[in-house]
Amino acid sequence: MKKNMGTTDKIIRILIALVIGILYYTGTISGTTALILGIFAVIFAITSLVSFCPLYLPWGISTCKKK
């Protein structure tokens, strides 16, 4: 897997995952909405940690800085 996510992209994804976690913890979201957003939060966190987003591949998107 070649990295295709830059630092800004990773930070934004982690922040979104944290906001979803906080919304769930405070009871603002629940039920199906919480489940779906929770899945997105986990995906965002994993893709941020590995610096790779499979959805970027078909379109050739890369937010990494060029070397």
N, C-alpha and C. Protein backbone atom coordinates (compact mmCIF):
# COMPACT_ATOMS: atom_id res chain seq x y z
N MET A 1 0.84 -1.19 0.00
CA MET A 1 0.00 0.00 0.00
C MET A 1 0.88 1.24 0.00
N LYS A 2 0.69 2.03 -1.00
CA LYS A 2 1.41 3.29 -1.09
C LYS A 2 0.57 4.37 -0.39
N LYS A 3 1.21 5.16 0.44
CA LYS A 3 0.49 6.20 1.17
C LYS A 3 -0.11 7.21 0.19
N ASN A 4 -1.37 7.58 0.44
CA ASN A 4 -2.02 8.56 -0.42
C ASN A 4 -2.77 9.64 0.39
N MET A 5 -2.42 9.75 1.66
CA MET A 5 -3.07 10.75 2.51
C MET A 5 -2.02 11.65 3.15
N GLY A 6 -2.25 12.95 3.05
CA GLY A 6 -1.36 13.91 3.66
C GLY A 6 -1.73 14.19 5.11
N THR A 7 -0.93 14.99 5.76
CA THR A 7 -1.12 15.31 7.18
C THR A 7 -2.46 16.00 7.44
N THR A 8 -2.79 16.98 6.61
CA THR A 8 -4.04 17.71 6.81
C THR A 8 -5.24 16.79 6.68
N ASP A 9 -5.21 15.92 5.69
CA ASP A 9 -6.28 14.95 5.48
C ASP A 9 -6.44 14.05 6.69
N LYS A 10 -5.32 13.58 7.23
CA LYS A 10 -5.37 12.70 8.40
C LYS A 10 -5.92 13.43 9.62
N ILE A 11 -5.51 14.67 9.83
CA ILE A 11 -5.98 15.44 10.98
C ILE A 11 -7.48 15.67 10.89
N ILE A 12 -7.96 16.02 9.71
CA ILE A 12 -9.40 16.25 9.53
C ILE A 12 -10.19 14.98 9.82
N ARG A 13 -9.71 13.85 9.34
CA ARG A 13 -10.41 12.58 9.58
C ARG A 13 -10.43 12.22 11.07
N ILE A 14 -9.31 12.42 11.75
CA ILE A 14 -9.26 12.12 13.19
C ILE A 14 -10.21 13.04 13.95
N LEU A 15 -10.24 14.33 13.59
CA LEU A 15 -11.15 15.27 14.26
C LEU A 15 -12.61 14.88 14.05
N ILE A 16 -12.96 14.47 12.83
CA ILE A 16 -14.33 14.03 12.57
C ILE A 16 -14.66 12.81 13.41
N ALA A 17 -13.74 11.85 13.49
CA ALA A 17 -13.96 10.65 14.30
C ALA A 17 -14.14 11.01 15.77
N LEU A 18 -13.33 11.95 16.26
CA LEU A 18 -13.47 12.38 17.66
C LEU A 18 -14.81 13.07 17.91
N VAL A 19 -15.24 13.91 16.99
CA VAL A 19 -16.53 14.59 17.15
C VAL A 19 -17.66 13.58 17.19
N ILE A 20 -17.61 12.59 16.31
CA ILE A 20 -18.64 11.54 16.31
C ILE A 20 -18.62 10.79 17.63
N GLY A 21 -17.43 10.47 18.13
CA GLY A 21 -17.32 9.79 19.42
C GLY A 21 -17.90 10.62 20.56
N ILE A 22 -17.62 11.90 20.56
CA ILE A 22 -18.15 12.79 21.60
C ILE A 22 -19.66 12.89 21.51
N LEU A 23 -20.18 13.01 20.29
CA LEU A 23 -21.64 13.08 20.11
C LEU A 23 -22.31 11.80 20.61
N TYR A 24 -21.69 10.66 20.38
CA TYR A 24 -22.25 9.41 20.88
C TYR A 24 -22.16 9.34 22.40
N TYR A 25 -21.02 9.70 22.94
CA TYR A 25 -20.80 9.63 24.39
C TYR A 25 -21.76 10.54 25.15
N THR A 26 -22.06 11.72 24.60
CA THR A 26 -22.96 12.66 25.27
C THR A 26 -24.43 12.34 25.01
N GLY A 27 -24.71 11.36 24.16
CA GLY A 27 -26.09 10.97 23.91
C GLY A 27 -26.78 11.82 22.86
N THR A 28 -26.04 12.64 22.15
CA THR A 28 -26.62 13.49 21.13
C THR A 28 -27.10 12.66 19.94
N ILE A 29 -26.36 11.61 19.61
CA ILE A 29 -26.78 10.70 18.55
C ILE A 29 -27.01 9.32 19.15
N SER A 30 -27.97 8.60 18.59
CA SER A 30 -28.26 7.26 19.09
C SER A 30 -28.93 6.46 17.97
N GLY A 31 -29.13 5.20 18.22
CA GLY A 31 -29.82 4.33 17.28
C GLY A 31 -29.03 4.10 16.01
N THR A 32 -29.76 4.04 14.91
CA THR A 32 -29.17 3.76 13.60
C THR A 32 -28.18 4.83 13.20
N THR A 33 -28.49 6.08 13.49
CA THR A 33 -27.58 7.18 13.16
C THR A 33 -26.24 6.99 13.86
N ALA A 34 -26.27 6.64 15.13
CA ALA A 34 -25.04 6.43 15.89
C ALA A 34 -24.26 5.25 15.32
N LEU A 35 -24.95 4.20 14.91
CA LEU A 35 -24.29 3.03 14.36
C LEU A 35 -23.58 3.38 13.05
N ILE A 36 -24.28 4.05 12.16
CA ILE A 36 -23.70 4.41 10.87
C ILE A 36 -22.54 5.39 11.05
N LEU A 37 -22.73 6.42 11.85
CA LEU A 37 -21.65 7.39 12.09
C LEU A 37 -20.48 6.74 12.82
N GLY A 38 -20.77 5.79 13.70
CA GLY A 38 -19.71 5.06 14.40
C GLY A 38 -18.85 4.26 13.43
N ILE A 39 -19.49 3.64 12.46
CA ILE A 39 -18.75 2.89 11.44
C ILE A 39 -17.85 3.84 10.65
N PHE A 40 -18.40 5.00 10.26
CA PHE A 40 -17.59 6.00 9.56
C PHE A 40 -16.42 6.46 10.42
N ALA A 41 -16.65 6.67 11.70
CA ALA A 41 -15.59 7.12 12.60
C ALA A 41 -14.47 6.09 12.67
N VAL A 42 -14.82 4.83 12.77
CA VAL A 42 -13.80 3.76 12.82
C VAL A 42 -13.02 3.72 11.51
N ILE A 43 -13.72 3.83 10.38
CA ILE A 43 -13.05 3.82 9.08
C ILE A 43 -12.11 5.02 8.96
N PHE A 44 -12.59 6.20 9.37
CA PHE A 44 -11.75 7.40 9.32
C PHE A 44 -10.51 7.23 10.18
N ALA A 45 -10.66 6.67 11.36
CA ALA A 45 -9.52 6.50 12.27
C ALA A 45 -8.51 5.50 11.68
N ILE A 46 -9.00 4.40 11.14
CA ILE A 46 -8.09 3.39 10.58
C ILE A 46 -7.34 3.94 9.38
N THR A 47 -8.08 4.59 8.47
CA THR A 47 -7.41 5.13 7.27
C THR A 47 -6.41 6.21 7.65
N SER A 48 -6.68 6.95 8.70
CA SER A 48 -5.73 7.98 9.15
C SER A 48 -4.47 7.35 9.71
N LEU A 49 -4.62 6.27 10.44
CA LEU A 49 -3.46 5.62 11.05
C LEU A 49 -2.56 4.95 10.02
N VAL A 50 -3.14 4.41 8.95
CA VAL A 50 -2.33 3.74 7.94
C VAL A 50 -1.98 4.65 6.76
N SER A 51 -2.51 5.88 6.76
CA SER A 51 -2.24 6.88 5.72
C SER A 51 -2.63 6.40 4.33
N PHE A 52 -3.67 5.60 4.25
CA PHE A 52 -4.11 5.06 2.96
C PHE A 52 -5.63 5.04 2.91
N CYS A 53 -6.18 5.62 1.85
CA CYS A 53 -7.62 5.60 1.63
C CYS A 53 -7.91 4.86 0.33
N PRO A 54 -8.57 3.70 0.39
CA PRO A 54 -8.82 2.93 -0.83
C PRO A 54 -9.74 3.65 -1.81
N LEU A 55 -10.57 4.55 -1.35
CA LEU A 55 -11.46 5.28 -2.25
C LEU A 55 -10.72 6.29 -3.12
N TYR A 56 -9.51 6.64 -2.75
CA TYR A 56 -8.71 7.56 -3.55
C TYR A 56 -8.11 6.87 -4.79
N LEU A 57 -7.94 5.56 -4.74
CA LEU A 57 -7.27 4.83 -5.82
C LEU A 57 -7.96 4.96 -7.18
N PRO A 58 -9.27 4.72 -7.31
CA PRO A 58 -9.88 4.76 -8.64
C PRO A 58 -9.74 6.11 -9.35
N TRP A 59 -9.67 7.19 -8.58
CA TRP A 59 -9.58 8.52 -9.17
C TRP A 59 -8.14 9.06 -9.17
N GLY A 60 -7.22 8.31 -8.64
CA GLY A 60 -5.83 8.73 -8.62
C GLY A 60 -5.55 9.93 -7.71
N ILE A 61 -6.36 10.06 -6.66
CA ILE A 61 -6.21 11.18 -5.73
C ILE A 61 -5.11 10.86 -4.73
N SER A 62 -4.31 11.85 -4.43
CA SER A 62 -3.29 11.73 -3.38
C SER A 62 -3.13 13.09 -2.73
N THR A 63 -3.28 13.14 -1.42
CA THR A 63 -3.12 14.40 -0.70
C THR A 63 -1.73 14.51 -0.06
N CYS A 64 -0.87 13.53 -0.36
CA CYS A 64 0.51 13.60 0.12
C CYS A 64 1.26 14.67 -0.64
N LYS A 65 2.23 15.28 0.06
CA LYS A 65 3.09 16.25 -0.61
C LYS A 65 4.03 15.50 -1.54
N LYS A 66 4.25 16.08 -2.68
CA LYS A 66 5.18 15.47 -3.66
C LYS A 66 6.60 15.64 -3.17
N LYS A 67 7.42 14.61 -3.39
CA LYS A 67 8.82 14.65 -2.96
C LYS A 67 9.71 15.16 -4.07
